[in-house]
């Protein structure tokens, strides 16, 4: 508003205001300064409209752009963004981290024998179990299909990362009842510890993928480390 008065240019501002019931309302204001014949500022005309619905719609679009529609977990795009941040933090303060890549053992068999509705329900429940067991600063994401990934923040040792992976595995193996069907679900996991230097998004996911391949080769329902 001050700049508008100084330079005679209209302005637009978006902010939250509060109505009579103290509810937050997003508003967008358009202001124009008015001057007298000598160029002295007289007053400002401001038109404000409620843009709460627009803000809500934009927030939903932002959420959908970064989250999986079935599980509500972060998607590949958001996970990579957080992984880049973890790499930057490691460069700045030496904080360690790890990546756990996993999939659902024999998921194709579940889909083929029980149908895609059961398969989708398994995916959804798998995501819920991951969210319940990970630590507050960690992130679980769905990469696609039955493939999930976890970013473990501030991991100081291999033993710590493996212990967390096994705790997750234990949670996954607890009894399942999906759409009235009792299932036995397990997961294969590949754990990649971040090196002290030189970690990239590609290299971390590649190492975790190699470890996951080894876990499958070991008979599935296993945790392998790279």
Protein backbone atom coordinates (compact mmCIF):
# COMPACT_ATOMS: atom_id res chain seq x y z
CA UNK A 1 0.00 0.00 0.00
CA UNK A 2 2.84 2.39 0.84
CA UNK A 3 4.55 1.67 -2.49
CA UNK A 4 1.24 2.19 -4.28
CA UNK A 5 0.83 5.60 -2.66
CA UNK A 6 4.41 6.60 -3.47
CA UNK A 7 4.39 5.56 -7.12
CA UNK A 8 0.73 5.75 -8.07
CA UNK A 9 0.57 2.10 -9.12
CA UNK A 10 -2.30 -0.25 -8.24
CA UNK A 11 -1.51 -3.14 -5.94
CA UNK A 12 -2.86 -6.62 -5.28
CA UNK A 13 -2.44 -8.42 -1.97
CA UNK A 14 -3.70 -11.76 -0.69
CA UNK A 15 -3.97 -12.40 3.04
CA UNK A 16 -6.01 -14.13 5.69
CA UNK A 17 -8.55 -12.07 7.58
CA UNK A 18 -11.00 -13.03 10.32
CA UNK A 19 -14.75 -12.68 10.17
CA UNK A 20 -17.12 -11.79 13.03
CA UNK A 21 -17.04 -15.40 14.28
CA UNK A 22 -13.21 -15.34 14.23
CA UNK A 23 -13.04 -17.77 11.31
CA UNK A 24 -10.08 -17.35 8.98
CA UNK A 25 -11.05 -16.16 5.50
CA UNK A 26 -8.65 -15.83 2.57
CA UNK A 27 -9.15 -12.47 0.86
CA UNK A 28 -7.65 -10.79 -2.18
CA UNK A 29 -7.55 -6.99 -2.23
CA UNK A 30 -7.03 -4.71 -5.24
CA UNK A 31 -6.11 -1.14 -4.31
CA UNK A 32 -5.81 2.08 -6.32
CA UNK A 33 -4.53 5.40 -4.99
CA UNK A 34 -6.47 8.58 -5.73
CA UNK A 35 -4.76 12.02 -5.93
CA UNK A 36 -5.96 15.60 -6.20
CA UNK A 37 -5.20 17.95 -9.08
CA UNK A 38 -1.85 18.84 -7.47
CA UNK A 39 -0.79 15.21 -7.21
CA UNK A 40 -1.32 14.92 -3.46
CA UNK A 41 -2.60 11.60 -2.17
CA UNK A 42 -6.24 11.81 -1.03
CA UNK A 43 -7.46 8.30 -0.41
CA UNK A 44 -7.27 4.75 -1.64
CA UNK A 45 -10.03 2.64 -3.15
CA UNK A 46 -9.72 -1.01 -2.16
CA UNK A 47 -11.95 -3.78 -3.41
CA UNK A 48 -11.66 -7.05 -1.48
CA UNK A 49 -13.18 -10.39 -2.36
CA UNK A 50 -13.31 -13.74 -0.59
CA UNK A 51 -10.98 -16.23 -2.34
CA UNK A 52 -11.23 -19.04 0.23
CA UNK A 53 -12.65 -21.51 -2.31
CA UNK A 54 -9.88 -20.69 -4.76
CA UNK A 55 -7.24 -21.17 -2.03
CA UNK A 56 -8.81 -24.47 -1.03
CA UNK A 57 -8.76 -25.63 -4.65
CA UNK A 58 -5.12 -24.58 -5.07
CA UNK A 59 -4.19 -26.44 -1.88
CA UNK A 60 -5.89 -29.59 -3.18
CA UNK A 61 -4.04 -29.31 -6.49
CA UNK A 62 -0.76 -28.88 -4.62
CA UNK A 63 -1.54 -31.94 -2.49
CA UNK A 64 -2.47 -34.07 -5.51
CA UNK A 65 0.72 -33.02 -7.28
CA UNK A 66 2.87 -34.38 -4.44
CA UNK A 67 0.82 -37.23 -2.97
CA UNK A 68 -0.39 -40.63 -4.08
CA UNK A 69 -4.15 -40.71 -4.66
CA UNK A 70 -4.67 -44.23 -3.23
CA UNK A 71 -2.59 -44.14 -0.05
CA UNK A 72 -2.30 -40.41 0.59
CA UNK A 73 1.45 -40.89 1.02
CA UNK A 74 4.00 -38.60 -0.63
CA UNK A 75 4.69 -39.60 -4.23
CA UNK A 76 7.94 -40.03 -6.12
CA UNK A 77 8.26 -36.29 -6.84
CA UNK A 78 7.94 -35.23 -3.20
CA UNK A 79 10.18 -38.05 -1.99
CA UNK A 80 12.98 -37.03 -4.34
CA UNK A 81 12.64 -33.44 -3.13
CA UNK A 82 13.04 -34.57 0.49
CA UNK A 83 15.91 -36.85 -0.43
CA UNK A 84 17.74 -33.90 -2.01
CA UNK A 85 17.22 -31.97 1.23
CA UNK A 86 18.67 -34.87 3.24
CA UNK A 87 21.72 -34.89 0.96
CA UNK A 88 22.13 -31.12 1.41
CA UNK A 89 21.85 -31.45 5.19
CA UNK A 90 24.49 -34.15 5.17
CA UNK A 91 26.84 -31.87 3.25
CA UNK A 92 26.14 -29.04 5.70
CA UNK A 93 26.31 -30.80 9.07
CA UNK A 94 27.28 -34.42 8.42
CA UNK A 95 23.90 -35.83 9.46
CA UNK A 96 23.55 -39.40 8.23
CA UNK A 97 20.51 -40.88 6.53
CA UNK A 98 19.37 -44.06 4.82
CA UNK A 99 16.87 -45.15 2.19
CA UNK A 100 14.72 -48.27 2.44
CA UNK A 101 13.19 -49.48 -0.81
CA UNK A 102 10.55 -52.19 -0.52
CA UNK A 103 7.75 -53.97 -2.28
CA UNK A 104 5.00 -56.41 -1.33
CA UNK A 105 5.96 -60.05 -1.74
CA UNK A 106 3.88 -61.87 -4.37
CA UNK A 107 1.63 -58.87 -4.91
CA UNK A 108 0.86 -59.93 -8.50
CA UNK A 109 -0.51 -63.18 -7.12
CA UNK A 110 -2.81 -61.24 -4.77
CA UNK A 111 -4.10 -59.18 -7.69
CA UNK A 112 -4.54 -62.16 -10.01
CA UNK A 113 -6.23 -64.47 -7.50
CA UNK A 114 -8.27 -62.06 -5.39
CA UNK A 115 -8.87 -59.16 -7.76
CA UNK A 116 -7.76 -55.55 -8.04
CA UNK A 117 -10.14 -54.32 -5.35
CA UNK A 118 -8.33 -56.48 -2.82
CA UNK A 119 -5.00 -55.45 -4.33
CA UNK A 120 -5.82 -51.76 -3.94
CA UNK A 121 -6.97 -52.35 -0.36
CA UNK A 122 -3.68 -54.12 0.39
CA UNK A 123 -1.72 -51.19 -1.05
CA UNK A 124 -3.75 -48.75 1.06
CA UNK A 125 -3.31 -50.74 4.27
CA UNK A 126 0.40 -51.23 3.57
CA UNK A 127 0.81 -47.45 3.37
CA UNK A 128 -1.08 -46.97 6.65
CA UNK A 129 1.14 -49.48 8.44
CA UNK A 130 4.28 -47.76 7.18
CA UNK A 131 3.02 -44.39 8.41
CA UNK A 132 2.22 -45.82 11.84
CA UNK A 133 5.64 -47.36 12.42
CA UNK A 134 8.08 -44.79 11.01
CA UNK A 135 9.57 -42.11 13.23
CA UNK A 136 8.32 -38.53 13.25
CA UNK A 137 11.18 -37.17 11.11
CA UNK A 138 11.10 -40.00 8.57
CA UNK A 139 9.12 -40.11 5.32
CA UNK A 140 7.29 -43.01 3.70
CA UNK A 141 6.29 -42.64 0.05
CA UNK A 142 4.71 -44.73 -2.69
CA UNK A 143 6.76 -44.83 -5.87
CA UNK A 144 4.12 -46.70 -7.86
CA UNK A 145 2.51 -50.13 -8.02
CA UNK A 146 3.48 -52.07 -4.91
CA UNK A 147 6.81 -50.25 -4.56
CA UNK A 148 7.34 -48.06 -1.50
CA UNK A 149 10.31 -46.16 -0.13
CA UNK A 150 11.28 -44.72 3.25
CA UNK A 151 13.73 -41.93 4.01
CA UNK A 152 15.32 -42.43 7.42
CA UNK A 153 16.63 -39.14 8.78
CA UNK A 154 19.48 -38.77 11.27
CA UNK A 155 20.55 -42.41 11.15
CA UNK A 156 23.94 -42.81 12.79
CA UNK A 157 24.70 -46.49 12.19
CA UNK A 158 23.97 -49.49 10.04
CA UNK A 159 22.55 -51.32 13.06
CA UNK A 160 20.05 -48.52 13.65
CA UNK A 161 18.84 -48.58 10.04
CA UNK A 162 18.49 -52.37 10.00
CA UNK A 163 16.66 -52.37 13.35
CA UNK A 164 14.12 -49.87 11.97
CA UNK A 165 13.71 -51.95 8.79
CA UNK A 166 13.04 -55.09 10.83
CA UNK A 167 10.53 -53.27 13.02
CA UNK A 168 8.71 -52.18 9.85
CA UNK A 169 8.84 -55.73 8.54
CA UNK A 170 7.37 -57.04 11.80
CA UNK A 171 4.49 -54.56 11.56
CA UNK A 172 3.79 -55.56 7.97
CA UNK A 173 3.61 -59.26 8.89
CA UNK A 174 0.91 -58.81 11.55
CA UNK A 175 -2.46 -60.41 10.62
CA UNK A 176 -4.34 -58.90 7.69
CA UNK A 177 -8.08 -58.95 7.02
CA UNK A 178 -8.92 -57.26 3.74
CA UNK A 179 -12.53 -57.16 2.48
CA UNK A 180 -13.33 -60.19 4.60
CA UNK A 181 -10.29 -62.16 3.45
CA UNK A 182 -7.45 -63.22 5.75
CA UNK A 183 -4.09 -62.65 4.12
CA UNK A 184 -0.44 -63.26 4.88
CA UNK A 185 1.51 -60.25 3.66
CA UNK A 186 5.25 -59.71 3.86
CA UNK A 187 7.76 -57.35 2.32
CA UNK A 188 11.26 -57.51 0.88
CA UNK A 189 13.48 -54.55 1.76
CA UNK A 190 16.70 -53.05 0.46
CA UNK A 191 18.52 -50.62 2.74
CA UNK A 192 21.05 -48.11 1.37
CA UNK A 193 23.19 -46.16 3.82
CA UNK A 194 24.31 -42.73 2.64
CA UNK A 195 28.07 -42.48 2.09
CA UNK A 196 29.90 -39.63 3.80
CA UNK A 197 30.41 -37.91 0.45
CA UNK A 198 29.09 -38.16 -3.07
CA UNK A 199 25.50 -39.24 -2.45
CA UNK A 200 22.96 -38.32 -5.13
CA UNK A 201 19.26 -39.03 -5.50
CA UNK A 202 20.02 -41.47 -8.31
CA UNK A 203 22.82 -43.26 -6.48
CA UNK A 204 20.81 -43.72 -3.27
CA UNK A 205 17.79 -45.15 -5.08
CA UNK A 206 20.03 -47.34 -7.23
CA UNK A 207 21.84 -48.79 -4.21
CA UNK A 208 18.55 -49.41 -2.42
CA UNK A 209 17.18 -51.09 -5.56
CA UNK A 210 20.23 -53.36 -5.77
CA UNK A 211 19.75 -54.32 -2.12
CA UNK A 212 16.06 -55.01 -2.74
CA UNK A 213 17.01 -57.28 -5.65
CA UNK A 214 19.28 -59.21 -3.30
CA UNK A 215 16.47 -59.52 -0.74
CA UNK A 216 14.20 -61.03 -3.38
CA UNK A 217 16.97 -63.36 -4.47
CA UNK A 218 17.33 -64.54 -0.88
CA UNK A 219 13.78 -65.86 -0.88
CA UNK A 220 11.85 -62.63 -0.16
CA UNK A 221 10.60 -61.50 3.26
CA UNK A 222 14.20 -60.38 3.87
CA UNK A 223 16.22 -57.25 4.59
CA UNK A 224 19.45 -56.66 2.68
CA UNK A 225 21.94 -53.83 3.12
CA UNK A 226 24.15 -51.95 0.67
